[in-house]
């Protein structure tokens, strides 16, 4: 018996656009994943890791703010390729973002209530008013995060290109979440990511 781990029976490798239930990752975001990970194919997401499931969980949590971050899905490179673990999360926060300056590593972008991009993570906060939320007159403030889940290292590649890539993935998942939740005006999010600094 050799030491090679057995590939699970239902193991599947898919394109970026098929991750997280197939609605979360746009073609542009799939290209951005290639910039981030160096790969264009990934382990298929587990059935529970979908935007639809994350939206259902968020609806159940609302209006209580979440303490930690909840998974939308995780992105893994295929078995046999260099390991890369990208975590895409959601959380509910109290209100519009504070006006505190962002940490120096972040670039502030003009999307949603607040958008921050760094070379290993990005966060996008948007406001959602929806019939699906318990009290349709109140607004949910939702933060979608995309983060390289690893011991901090120096990023490999052009920092600005990486920032744009993380921001593109955060925008794509945020827009998919806003649509899944039925947010008015797609939560105020633009149809395409805005990558110019605010």
N, C-alpha and C. Protein backbone atom coordinates (compact mmCIF):
# COMPACT_ATOMS: atom_id res chain seq x y z
N UNK A 1 0.85 -1.20 0.00
CA UNK A 1 0.00 0.00 0.00
C UNK A 1 0.89 1.24 0.00
N UNK A 2 0.69 2.09 -0.99
CA UNK A 2 1.53 3.29 -1.02
C UNK A 2 0.87 4.41 -0.21
N UNK A 3 1.59 5.50 -0.04
CA UNK A 3 1.11 6.58 0.83
C UNK A 3 0.24 7.60 0.12
N UNK A 4 -0.12 7.34 -1.14
CA UNK A 4 -0.94 8.31 -1.87
C UNK A 4 -2.37 8.27 -1.36
N UNK A 5 -2.91 9.44 -0.99
CA UNK A 5 -4.30 9.42 -0.50
C UNK A 5 -5.25 9.05 -1.65
N UNK A 6 -6.28 8.30 -1.30
CA UNK A 6 -7.25 7.92 -2.32
C UNK A 6 -8.12 9.12 -2.66
N UNK A 7 -8.42 9.27 -3.93
CA UNK A 7 -9.32 10.35 -4.35
C UNK A 7 -10.74 9.92 -4.01
N UNK A 8 -11.51 10.79 -3.34
CA UNK A 8 -12.90 10.42 -3.01
C UNK A 8 -13.69 10.08 -4.27
N UNK A 9 -14.66 9.18 -4.11
CA UNK A 9 -15.46 8.72 -5.26
C UNK A 9 -16.14 9.86 -6.00
N UNK A 10 -16.71 10.80 -5.24
CA UNK A 10 -17.47 11.87 -5.88
C UNK A 10 -16.61 13.10 -6.17
N UNK A 11 -15.30 12.90 -6.18
CA UNK A 11 -14.38 14.02 -6.39
C UNK A 11 -14.53 14.56 -7.81
N UNK A 12 -14.60 15.87 -7.91
CA UNK A 12 -14.80 16.48 -9.22
C UNK A 12 -13.98 17.76 -9.31
N UNK A 13 -13.44 18.01 -10.48
CA UNK A 13 -12.70 19.25 -10.72
C UNK A 13 -13.52 20.07 -11.71
N UNK A 14 -13.73 21.35 -11.37
CA UNK A 14 -14.64 22.18 -12.17
C UNK A 14 -14.00 23.53 -12.50
N UNK A 15 -14.61 24.22 -13.45
CA UNK A 15 -14.20 25.59 -13.78
C UNK A 15 -14.65 26.53 -12.66
N UNK A 16 -14.00 27.68 -12.56
CA UNK A 16 -14.33 28.64 -11.51
C UNK A 16 -15.79 29.06 -11.49
N UNK A 17 -16.40 29.15 -12.68
CA UNK A 17 -17.80 29.61 -12.76
C UNK A 17 -18.77 28.60 -12.18
N UNK A 18 -18.32 27.37 -11.91
CA UNK A 18 -19.20 26.35 -11.34
C UNK A 18 -19.09 26.23 -9.82
N UNK A 19 -18.21 27.03 -9.23
CA UNK A 19 -18.01 26.97 -7.78
C UNK A 19 -19.19 27.59 -7.03
N UNK A 20 -19.31 27.24 -5.76
CA UNK A 20 -20.26 27.89 -4.84
C UNK A 20 -21.70 27.85 -5.36
N UNK A 21 -22.08 26.74 -5.98
CA UNK A 21 -23.45 26.58 -6.45
C UNK A 21 -23.70 27.08 -7.85
N UNK A 22 -22.66 27.59 -8.49
CA UNK A 22 -22.79 27.97 -9.89
C UNK A 22 -23.34 29.34 -10.18
N UNK A 23 -23.68 30.12 -9.15
CA UNK A 23 -24.21 31.47 -9.39
C UNK A 23 -23.27 32.56 -8.89
N UNK A 24 -22.30 32.17 -8.08
CA UNK A 24 -21.52 33.18 -7.35
C UNK A 24 -20.36 33.75 -8.14
N UNK A 25 -19.78 32.95 -9.02
CA UNK A 25 -18.52 33.35 -9.66
C UNK A 25 -18.77 33.67 -11.14
N UNK A 26 -18.67 34.95 -11.47
CA UNK A 26 -18.84 35.39 -12.86
C UNK A 26 -17.63 34.96 -13.68
N UNK A 27 -17.71 35.15 -14.99
CA UNK A 27 -16.57 34.83 -15.86
C UNK A 27 -15.37 35.68 -15.45
N UNK A 28 -15.61 36.97 -15.19
CA UNK A 28 -14.50 37.86 -14.75
C UNK A 28 -13.92 37.39 -13.42
N UNK A 29 -14.80 36.99 -12.50
CA UNK A 29 -14.32 36.51 -11.20
C UNK A 29 -13.56 35.19 -11.34
N UNK A 30 -13.97 34.36 -12.29
CA UNK A 30 -13.25 33.11 -12.54
C UNK A 30 -11.83 33.41 -13.04
N UNK A 31 -11.72 34.41 -13.91
CA UNK A 31 -10.38 34.84 -14.37
C UNK A 31 -9.57 35.39 -13.19
N UNK A 32 -10.26 36.11 -12.31
CA UNK A 32 -9.59 36.67 -11.13
C UNK A 32 -9.08 35.54 -10.22
N UNK A 33 -9.85 34.46 -10.10
CA UNK A 33 -9.40 33.31 -9.31
C UNK A 33 -8.11 32.73 -9.89
N UNK A 34 -8.01 32.75 -11.22
CA UNK A 34 -6.77 32.24 -11.84
C UNK A 34 -5.59 33.14 -11.48
N UNK A 35 -5.83 34.46 -11.43
CA UNK A 35 -4.77 35.40 -11.04
C UNK A 35 -4.34 35.10 -9.59
N UNK A 36 -5.33 34.85 -8.72
CA UNK A 36 -5.05 34.64 -7.30
C UNK A 36 -4.36 33.30 -7.04
N UNK A 37 -4.87 32.25 -7.66
CA UNK A 37 -4.40 30.88 -7.33
C UNK A 37 -3.43 30.29 -8.35
N UNK A 38 -3.40 30.87 -9.55
CA UNK A 38 -2.59 30.29 -10.62
C UNK A 38 -3.29 29.13 -11.31
N UNK A 39 -4.53 28.85 -10.94
CA UNK A 39 -5.27 27.70 -11.49
C UNK A 39 -6.57 28.18 -12.16
N UNK A 40 -7.00 27.42 -13.16
CA UNK A 40 -8.29 27.73 -13.77
C UNK A 40 -9.33 26.66 -13.47
N UNK A 41 -8.89 25.57 -12.78
CA UNK A 41 -9.83 24.52 -12.38
C UNK A 41 -9.65 24.26 -10.90
N UNK A 42 -10.76 23.88 -10.24
CA UNK A 42 -10.77 23.80 -8.78
C UNK A 42 -11.56 22.59 -8.32
N UNK A 43 -11.36 22.21 -7.05
CA UNK A 43 -12.21 21.17 -6.47
C UNK A 43 -13.64 21.66 -6.48
N UNK A 44 -14.57 20.81 -6.86
CA UNK A 44 -15.98 21.19 -6.83
C UNK A 44 -16.38 21.52 -5.40
N UNK A 45 -17.24 22.53 -5.25
CA UNK A 45 -17.71 22.92 -3.91
C UNK A 45 -18.64 21.84 -3.36
N UNK A 46 -18.56 21.62 -2.05
CA UNK A 46 -19.50 20.69 -1.41
C UNK A 46 -20.92 21.24 -1.57
N UNK A 47 -21.90 20.34 -1.55
CA UNK A 47 -23.28 20.73 -1.82
C UNK A 47 -23.79 21.85 -0.92
N UNK A 48 -23.33 21.86 0.34
CA UNK A 48 -23.84 22.88 1.26
C UNK A 48 -23.20 24.25 1.04
N UNK A 49 -22.14 24.30 0.24
CA UNK A 49 -21.45 25.58 0.02
C UNK A 49 -21.98 26.26 -1.23
N UNK A 50 -23.11 26.93 -1.09
CA UNK A 50 -23.71 27.66 -2.21
C UNK A 50 -24.17 29.03 -1.74
N UNK A 51 -24.32 29.93 -2.68
CA UNK A 51 -24.88 31.24 -2.36
C UNK A 51 -26.31 31.09 -1.85
N UNK A 52 -27.06 30.15 -2.45
CA UNK A 52 -28.45 29.94 -2.02
C UNK A 52 -28.50 29.53 -0.55
N UNK A 53 -27.60 28.62 -0.14
CA UNK A 53 -27.57 28.17 1.26
C UNK A 53 -27.13 29.31 2.18
N UNK A 54 -26.12 30.06 1.75
CA UNK A 54 -25.64 31.19 2.57
C UNK A 54 -26.74 32.23 2.74
N UNK A 55 -27.50 32.49 1.66
CA UNK A 55 -28.60 33.46 1.74
C UNK A 55 -29.68 32.96 2.70
N UNK A 56 -29.99 31.67 2.64
CA UNK A 56 -30.99 31.10 3.54
C UNK A 56 -30.53 31.22 4.99
N UNK A 57 -29.25 30.95 5.24
CA UNK A 57 -28.71 31.08 6.60
C UNK A 57 -28.76 32.54 7.08
N UNK A 58 -28.45 33.45 6.17
CA UNK A 58 -28.47 34.88 6.52
C UNK A 58 -29.90 35.32 6.87
N UNK A 59 -30.87 34.88 6.08
CA UNK A 59 -32.27 35.23 6.34
C UNK A 59 -32.69 34.74 7.74
N UNK A 60 -32.22 33.55 8.10
CA UNK A 60 -32.54 33.01 9.43
C UNK A 60 -31.87 33.81 10.54
N UNK A 61 -30.67 34.29 10.29
CA UNK A 61 -29.92 35.04 11.31
C UNK A 61 -30.46 36.45 11.50
N UNK A 62 -30.92 37.06 10.43
CA UNK A 62 -31.36 38.45 10.47
C UNK A 62 -32.50 38.63 11.47
N UNK A 63 -32.56 39.71 12.28
CA UNK A 63 -31.69 40.90 12.24
C UNK A 63 -30.52 40.84 13.22
N UNK A 64 -30.22 39.68 13.78
CA UNK A 64 -29.13 39.60 14.76
C UNK A 64 -27.79 39.64 14.03
N UNK A 65 -26.89 40.50 14.48
CA UNK A 65 -25.57 40.55 13.84
C UNK A 65 -24.81 39.27 14.17
N UNK A 66 -23.96 38.86 13.25
CA UNK A 66 -23.20 37.63 13.47
C UNK A 66 -21.90 37.97 14.19
N UNK A 67 -21.50 37.07 15.06
CA UNK A 67 -20.27 37.30 15.84
C UNK A 67 -19.06 37.06 14.94
N UNK A 68 -19.05 35.90 14.30
CA UNK A 68 -17.93 35.59 13.42
C UNK A 68 -18.36 35.66 11.96
N UNK A 69 -17.56 35.06 11.12
CA UNK A 69 -17.89 35.00 9.71
C UNK A 69 -18.43 33.62 9.38
N UNK A 70 -19.42 33.58 8.52
CA UNK A 70 -20.00 32.31 8.09
C UNK A 70 -19.54 32.02 6.67
N UNK A 71 -19.32 30.76 6.37
CA UNK A 71 -18.86 30.42 5.02
C UNK A 71 -19.95 30.57 3.97
N UNK A 72 -19.60 31.17 2.84
CA UNK A 72 -20.41 31.03 1.63
C UNK A 72 -19.87 29.78 0.94
N UNK A 73 -18.58 29.77 0.69
CA UNK A 73 -17.92 28.56 0.20
C UNK A 73 -16.42 28.72 0.31
N UNK A 74 -15.74 27.62 0.05
CA UNK A 74 -14.28 27.64 0.06
C UNK A 74 -13.80 27.19 -1.30
N UNK A 75 -12.68 27.73 -1.72
CA UNK A 75 -12.13 27.41 -3.03
C UNK A 75 -10.79 26.71 -2.80
N UNK A 76 -10.69 25.48 -3.32
CA UNK A 76 -9.46 24.70 -3.17
C UNK A 76 -8.91 24.35 -4.54
N UNK A 77 -7.57 24.35 -4.64
CA UNK A 77 -6.95 23.85 -5.87
C UNK A 77 -7.06 22.32 -5.89
N UNK A 78 -7.05 21.71 -7.10
CA UNK A 78 -7.23 20.26 -7.18
C UNK A 78 -6.12 19.47 -6.50
N UNK A 79 -6.43 18.23 -6.11
CA UNK A 79 -5.43 17.32 -5.54
C UNK A 79 -4.27 17.21 -6.51
N UNK A 80 -3.06 17.23 -5.97
CA UNK A 80 -1.88 17.09 -6.82
C UNK A 80 -1.32 18.41 -7.31
N UNK A 81 -2.05 19.50 -7.06
CA UNK A 81 -1.57 20.84 -7.44
C UNK A 81 -1.13 21.57 -6.17
N UNK A 82 -0.35 22.66 -6.33
CA UNK A 82 0.05 23.40 -5.12
C UNK A 82 -1.19 23.81 -4.32
N UNK A 83 -1.14 23.61 -2.99
CA UNK A 83 -2.29 23.91 -2.14
C UNK A 83 -2.62 25.39 -2.14
N UNK A 84 -3.90 25.69 -2.25
CA UNK A 84 -4.37 27.06 -2.10
C UNK A 84 -5.78 26.98 -1.55
N UNK A 85 -6.04 27.71 -0.47
CA UNK A 85 -7.33 27.67 0.20
C UNK A 85 -7.86 29.10 0.29
N UNK A 86 -8.93 29.34 -0.43
CA UNK A 86 -9.55 30.67 -0.43
C UNK A 86 -10.89 30.55 0.28
N UNK A 87 -11.12 31.40 1.25
CA UNK A 87 -12.36 31.32 2.02
C UNK A 87 -13.24 32.52 1.68
N UNK A 88 -14.48 32.24 1.30
CA UNK A 88 -15.45 33.28 0.98
C UNK A 88 -16.52 33.25 2.07
N UNK A 89 -16.71 34.38 2.75
CA UNK A 89 -17.56 34.40 3.95
C UNK A 89 -18.59 35.52 3.87
N UNK A 90 -19.60 35.42 4.74
CA UNK A 90 -20.56 36.52 4.92
C UNK A 90 -20.71 36.80 6.40
N UNK A 91 -21.11 38.01 6.72
CA UNK A 91 -21.52 38.33 8.09
C UNK A 91 -22.46 39.52 8.06
N UNK A 92 -23.29 39.59 9.10
CA UNK A 92 -24.21 40.70 9.28
C UNK A 92 -23.60 41.67 10.27
N UNK A 93 -23.59 42.95 9.93
CA UNK A 93 -23.04 43.96 10.84
C UNK A 93 -24.13 44.96 11.18
N UNK A 94 -23.84 45.81 12.18
CA UNK A 94 -24.85 46.71 12.73
C UNK A 94 -25.35 47.79 11.78
N UNK A 95 -24.47 48.38 11.04
CA UNK A 95 -24.92 49.49 10.21
C UNK A 95 -23.89 49.82 9.16
N UNK A 96 -24.06 50.99 8.57
CA UNK A 96 -23.10 51.43 7.56
C UNK A 96 -21.72 51.45 8.20
N UNK A 97 -20.72 51.27 7.36
CA UNK A 97 -19.35 51.15 7.88
C UNK A 97 -18.93 52.42 8.60
N UNK A 98 -17.98 52.27 9.49
CA UNK A 98 -17.48 53.43 10.23
C UNK A 98 -16.57 54.23 9.30
N UNK A 99 -16.28 55.45 9.69
CA UNK A 99 -15.41 56.27 8.85
C UNK A 99 -13.95 56.17 9.28
N UNK A 100 -13.65 55.14 10.06
CA UNK A 100 -12.25 54.97 10.45
C UNK A 100 -11.43 54.66 9.20
N UNK A 101 -10.21 55.22 9.14
CA UNK A 101 -9.40 54.91 7.95
C UNK A 101 -9.05 53.42 7.91
N UNK A 102 -9.00 52.89 6.71
CA UNK A 102 -8.65 51.48 6.54
C UNK A 102 -7.17 51.29 6.84
N UNK A 103 -6.82 50.06 7.20
CA UNK A 103 -5.40 49.74 7.43
C UNK A 103 -4.63 50.05 6.15
N UNK A 104 -3.35 50.43 6.29
CA UNK A 104 -2.58 50.88 5.12
C UNK A 104 -2.54 49.87 3.96
N UNK A 105 -2.66 48.57 4.29
CA UNK A 105 -2.55 47.59 3.20
C UNK A 105 -3.77 47.57 2.30
N UNK A 106 -4.89 48.18 2.77
CA UNK A 106 -6.12 48.15 1.98
C UNK A 106 -6.24 49.36 1.06
N UNK A 107 -6.77 49.11 -0.12
CA UNK A 107 -7.19 50.18 -1.02
C UNK A 107 -8.69 50.28 -0.89
N UNK A 108 -9.21 51.51 -0.72
CA UNK A 108 -10.67 51.72 -0.61
C UNK A 108 -11.22 51.89 -2.02
N UNK A 109 -12.27 51.13 -2.34
CA UNK A 109 -12.89 51.20 -3.66
C UNK A 109 -14.31 51.75 -3.56
N UNK A 110 -14.83 52.24 -4.68
CA UNK A 110 -16.16 52.87 -4.68
C UNK A 110 -17.23 51.84 -5.04
N UNK A 111 -17.50 50.93 -4.14
CA UNK A 111 -18.57 49.95 -4.36
C UNK A 111 -19.32 49.76 -3.05
N UNK A 112 -20.64 49.65 -3.12
CA UNK A 112 -21.44 49.36 -1.94
C UNK A 112 -21.25 50.41 -0.85
N UNK A 113 -21.44 49.97 0.40
CA UNK A 113 -21.24 50.89 1.54
C UNK A 113 -19.76 51.03 1.86
N UNK A 114 -19.02 49.97 1.62
CA UNK A 114 -17.57 50.02 1.83
C UNK A 114 -16.95 48.86 1.08
N UNK A 115 -15.84 49.12 0.41
CA UNK A 115 -15.10 48.06 -0.28
C UNK A 115 -13.62 48.27 -0.02
N UNK A 116 -12.98 47.23 0.47
CA UNK A 116 -11.55 47.28 0.80
C UNK A 116 -10.85 46.12 0.11
N UNK A 117 -9.73 46.40 -0.54
CA UNK A 117 -8.99 45.33 -1.23
C UNK A 117 -7.52 45.37 -0.82
N UNK A 118 -6.99 44.18 -0.55
CA UNK A 118 -5.56 44.02 -0.28
C UNK A 118 -5.05 42.90 -1.18
N UNK A 119 -3.76 42.62 -1.08
CA UNK A 119 -3.19 41.61 -1.99
C UNK A 119 -3.53 40.18 -1.57
N UNK A 120 -4.16 39.99 -0.39
CA UNK A 120 -4.51 38.63 0.03
C UNK A 120 -5.95 38.54 0.56
N UNK A 121 -6.72 39.63 0.43
CA UNK A 121 -8.11 39.60 0.89
C UNK A 121 -8.86 40.83 0.36
N UNK A 122 -10.19 40.73 0.36
CA UNK A 122 -11.03 41.88 0.04
C UNK A 122 -12.34 41.73 0.79
N UNK A 123 -12.94 42.87 1.14
CA UNK A 123 -14.24 42.90 1.82
C UNK A 123 -15.14 43.89 1.11
N UNK A 124 -16.39 43.51 0.94
CA UNK A 124 -17.37 44.42 0.34
C UNK A 124 -18.61 44.41 1.21
N UNK A 125 -19.01 45.59 1.67
CA UNK A 125 -20.22 45.71 2.49
C UNK A 125 -21.30 46.41 1.68
N UNK A 126 -22.52 45.84 1.72
CA UNK A 126 -23.64 46.48 1.03
C UNK A 126 -24.89 46.40 1.90
N UNK A 127 -25.85 47.27 1.58
CA UNK A 127 -27.11 47.32 2.34
C UNK A 127 -28.20 46.63 1.54
N UNK A 128 -29.01 45.83 2.22
CA UNK A 128 -30.05 45.07 1.54
C UNK A 128 -31.40 45.28 2.21
N UNK A 129 -32.36 45.76 1.42
CA UNK A 129 -33.75 45.82 1.86
C UNK A 129 -34.48 44.82 0.97
N UNK A 130 -35.16 43.85 1.60
CA UNK A 130 -35.77 42.78 0.81
C UNK A 130 -37.02 42.24 1.48
N UNK A 131 -37.96 41.83 0.65
CA UNK A 131 -39.18 41.18 1.16
C UNK A 131 -38.85 39.87 1.87
N UNK A 132 -37.71 39.27 1.54
CA UNK A 132 -37.36 37.97 2.13
C UNK A 132 -36.87 38.11 3.57
N UNK A 133 -36.49 39.32 3.95
CA UNK A 133 -35.98 39.52 5.31
C UNK A 133 -37.16 39.72 6.26
N UNK A 134 -37.01 39.23 7.46
CA UNK A 134 -38.06 39.19 8.48
C UNK A 134 -38.85 40.49 8.56
N UNK A 135 -38.13 41.59 8.64
CA UNK A 135 -38.79 42.88 8.72
C UNK A 135 -38.38 43.65 7.47
N UNK A 136 -39.23 43.60 6.46
CA UNK A 136 -38.85 44.14 5.14
C UNK A 136 -38.54 45.63 5.18
N UNK A 137 -38.98 46.32 6.23
CA UNK A 137 -38.70 47.76 6.29
C UNK A 137 -37.30 48.04 6.82
N UNK A 138 -36.68 47.05 7.46
CA UNK A 138 -35.34 47.30 7.97
C UNK A 138 -34.29 46.84 6.96
N UNK A 139 -33.11 47.35 7.14
CA UNK A 139 -32.04 47.12 6.18
C UNK A 139 -30.99 46.19 6.80
N UNK A 140 -30.57 45.20 6.03
CA UNK A 140 -29.47 44.33 6.46
C UNK A 140 -28.18 44.90 5.89
N UNK A 141 -27.17 44.95 6.73
CA UNK A 141 -25.84 45.38 6.27
C UNK A 141 -24.96 44.13 6.22
N UNK A 142 -24.56 43.77 5.02
CA UNK A 142 -23.91 42.48 4.78
C UNK A 142 -22.48 42.70 4.30
N UNK A 143 -21.56 41.97 4.90
CA UNK A 143 -20.16 42.03 4.46
C UNK A 143 -19.78 40.68 3.85
N UNK A 144 -19.32 40.73 2.62
CA UNK A 144 -18.78 39.53 1.96
C UNK A 144 -17.26 39.65 1.99
N UNK A 145 -16.61 38.61 2.47
CA UNK A 145 -15.15 38.61 2.53
C UNK A 145 -14.56 37.51 1.65
N UNK A 146 -13.42 37.80 1.07
CA UNK A 146 -12.66 36.81 0.29
C UNK A 146 -11.25 36.86 0.83
N UNK A 147 -10.78 35.73 1.35
CA UNK A 147 -9.48 35.77 2.03
C UNK A 147 -8.67 34.52 1.73
N UNK A 148 -7.38 34.74 1.47
CA UNK A 148 -6.45 33.61 1.33
C UNK A 148 -6.22 33.06 2.72
N UNK A 149 -6.64 31.81 2.93
CA UNK A 149 -6.61 31.21 4.25
C UNK A 149 -5.28 30.50 4.44
N UNK A 150 -4.29 31.24 4.89
CA UNK A 150 -2.96 30.65 5.02
C UNK A 150 -2.14 31.49 5.97
N UNK A 151 -0.99 30.94 6.33
CA UNK A 151 -0.05 31.71 7.14
C UNK A 151 0.37 32.91 6.29
N UNK A 152 0.34 34.12 6.85
CA UNK A 152 0.70 35.29 6.03
C UNK A 152 2.08 35.14 5.41
N UNK A 153 2.14 35.38 4.12
CA UNK A 153 3.42 35.35 3.41
C UNK A 153 3.44 36.55 2.47
N UNK A 154 4.59 36.82 1.92
CA UNK A 154 4.65 37.88 0.92
C UNK A 154 3.88 37.43 -0.30
N UNK A 155 2.99 38.29 -0.84
CA UNK A 155 2.23 37.87 -2.01
C UNK A 155 3.14 37.65 -3.21
N UNK A 156 2.80 36.65 -4.01
CA UNK A 156 3.57 36.41 -5.22
C UNK A 156 2.81 37.04 -6.38
N UNK A 157 3.44 38.00 -7.03
CA UNK A 157 2.77 38.65 -8.15
C UNK A 157 2.61 40.13 -7.90
N UNK A 158 2.04 40.82 -8.88
CA UNK A 158 1.83 42.26 -8.82
C UNK A 158 0.73 42.57 -7.79
N UNK A 159 1.07 43.34 -6.78
CA UNK A 159 0.14 43.64 -5.68
C UNK A 159 -1.14 44.28 -6.20
N UNK A 160 -1.04 45.25 -7.11
CA UNK A 160 -2.24 45.94 -7.62
C UNK A 160 -3.13 44.98 -8.40
N UNK A 161 -2.51 44.09 -9.17
CA UNK A 161 -3.29 43.10 -9.94
C UNK A 161 -4.00 42.15 -8.98
N UNK A 162 -3.30 41.75 -7.92
CA UNK A 162 -3.92 40.87 -6.92
C UNK A 162 -5.08 41.57 -6.20
N UNK A 163 -4.89 42.84 -5.85
CA UNK A 163 -5.97 43.60 -5.19
C UNK A 163 -7.21 43.63 -6.09
N UNK A 164 -7.01 43.91 -7.37
CA UNK A 164 -8.13 43.95 -8.32
C UNK A 164 -8.81 42.58 -8.40
N UNK A 165 -8.01 41.53 -8.38
CA UNK A 165 -8.56 40.17 -8.48
C UNK A 165 -9.42 39.84 -7.26
N UNK A 166 -8.92 40.11 -6.06
CA UNK A 166 -9.70 39.85 -4.84
C UNK A 166 -10.99 40.68 -4.84
N UNK A 167 -10.88 41.95 -5.26
CA UNK A 167 -12.05 42.83 -5.29
C UNK A 167 -13.08 42.31 -6.30
N UNK A 168 -12.61 41.77 -7.42
CA UNK A 168 -13.51 41.25 -8.45
C UNK A 168 -14.29 40.05 -7.92
N UNK A 169 -13.61 39.16 -7.19
CA UNK A 169 -14.30 37.99 -6.62
C UNK A 169 -15.29 38.44 -5.55
N UNK A 170 -14.89 39.38 -4.70
CA UNK A 170 -15.79 39.88 -3.64
C UNK A 170 -17.03 40.53 -4.26
N UNK A 171 -16.85 41.28 -5.33
CA UNK A 171 -17.99 41.91 -6.01
C UNK A 171 -18.93 40.86 -6.60
N UNK A 172 -18.36 39.86 -7.26
CA UNK A 172 -19.17 38.83 -7.91
C UNK A 172 -20.03 38.08 -6.90
N UNK A 173 -19.44 37.69 -5.78
CA UNK A 173 -20.18 36.95 -4.76
C UNK A 173 -21.20 37.86 -4.08
N UNK A 174 -20.83 39.13 -3.84
CA UNK A 174 -21.77 40.08 -3.23
C UNK A 174 -22.99 40.29 -4.11
N UNK A 175 -22.75 40.46 -5.41
CA UNK A 175 -23.86 40.68 -6.34
C UNK A 175 -24.76 39.44 -6.40
N UNK A 176 -24.14 38.26 -6.41
CA UNK A 176 -24.93 37.01 -6.42
C UNK A 176 -25.76 36.90 -5.15
N UNK A 177 -25.17 37.28 -4.02
CA UNK A 177 -25.88 37.23 -2.73
C UNK A 177 -27.04 38.23 -2.74
N UNK A 178 -26.80 39.43 -3.25
CA UNK A 178 -27.85 40.46 -3.30
C UNK A 178 -29.02 39.98 -4.17
N UNK A 179 -28.71 39.34 -5.28
CA UNK A 179 -29.77 38.83 -6.17
C UNK A 179 -30.52 37.68 -5.50
N UNK A 180 -29.78 36.79 -4.84
CA UNK A 180 -30.41 35.65 -4.16
C UNK A 180 -31.34 36.12 -3.04
N UNK A 181 -30.94 37.18 -2.36
CA UNK A 181 -31.75 37.73 -1.26
C UNK A 181 -32.90 38.61 -1.77
N UNK A 182 -32.86 38.95 -3.05
CA UNK A 182 -33.89 39.83 -3.60
C UNK A 182 -33.75 41.27 -3.11
N UNK A 183 -32.51 41.71 -2.90
CA UNK A 183 -32.28 43.07 -2.40
C UNK A 183 -32.75 44.09 -3.44
N UNK A 184 -33.40 45.15 -2.95
CA UNK A 184 -33.79 46.25 -3.84
C UNK A 184 -32.55 46.79 -4.53
N UNK A 185 -32.67 47.01 -5.84
CA UNK A 185 -31.58 47.63 -6.61
C UNK A 185 -30.26 46.87 -6.43
N UNK A 186 -30.36 45.53 -6.30
CA UNK A 186 -29.16 44.69 -6.11
C UNK A 186 -28.25 45.21 -5.01
N UNK A 187 -28.86 45.74 -3.94
CA UNK A 187 -28.07 46.23 -2.81
C UNK A 187 -27.22 47.44 -3.14
N UNK A 188 -27.59 48.13 -4.24
CA UNK A 188 -26.81 49.31 -4.64
C UNK A 188 -25.48 48.95 -5.27
N UNK A 189 -25.29 47.68 -5.62
CA UNK A 189 -24.01 47.26 -6.19
C UNK A 189 -24.01 47.48 -7.71
N UNK A 190 -22.87 47.89 -8.24
CA UNK A 190 -22.77 48.06 -9.69
C UNK A 190 -22.78 46.69 -10.39
N UNK A 191 -23.16 46.68 -11.67
CA UNK A 191 -23.19 45.42 -12.43
C UNK A 191 -21.78 44.86 -12.64
N UNK A 192 -20.81 45.75 -12.72
CA UNK A 192 -19.40 45.36 -12.90
C UNK A 192 -18.59 45.89 -11.73
N UNK A 193 -17.50 45.20 -11.37
CA UNK A 193 -16.69 45.70 -10.25
C UNK A 193 -16.05 47.05 -10.58
N UNK A 194 -16.00 47.91 -9.58
CA UNK A 194 -15.34 49.22 -9.73
C UNK A 194 -13.99 49.09 -9.02
N UNK A 195 -12.93 49.17 -9.79
CA UNK A 195 -11.61 48.88 -9.22
C UNK A 195 -10.77 50.14 -9.03
N UNK A 196 -11.33 51.30 -9.38
CA UNK A 196 -10.59 52.55 -9.16
C UNK A 196 -10.66 52.91 -7.68
N UNK A 197 -9.53 53.32 -7.10
CA UNK A 197 -9.56 53.74 -5.69
C UNK A 197 -10.51 54.89 -5.46
N UNK A 198 -11.17 54.89 -4.29
CA UNK A 198 -12.14 55.96 -3.97
C UNK A 198 -11.39 57.27 -3.73
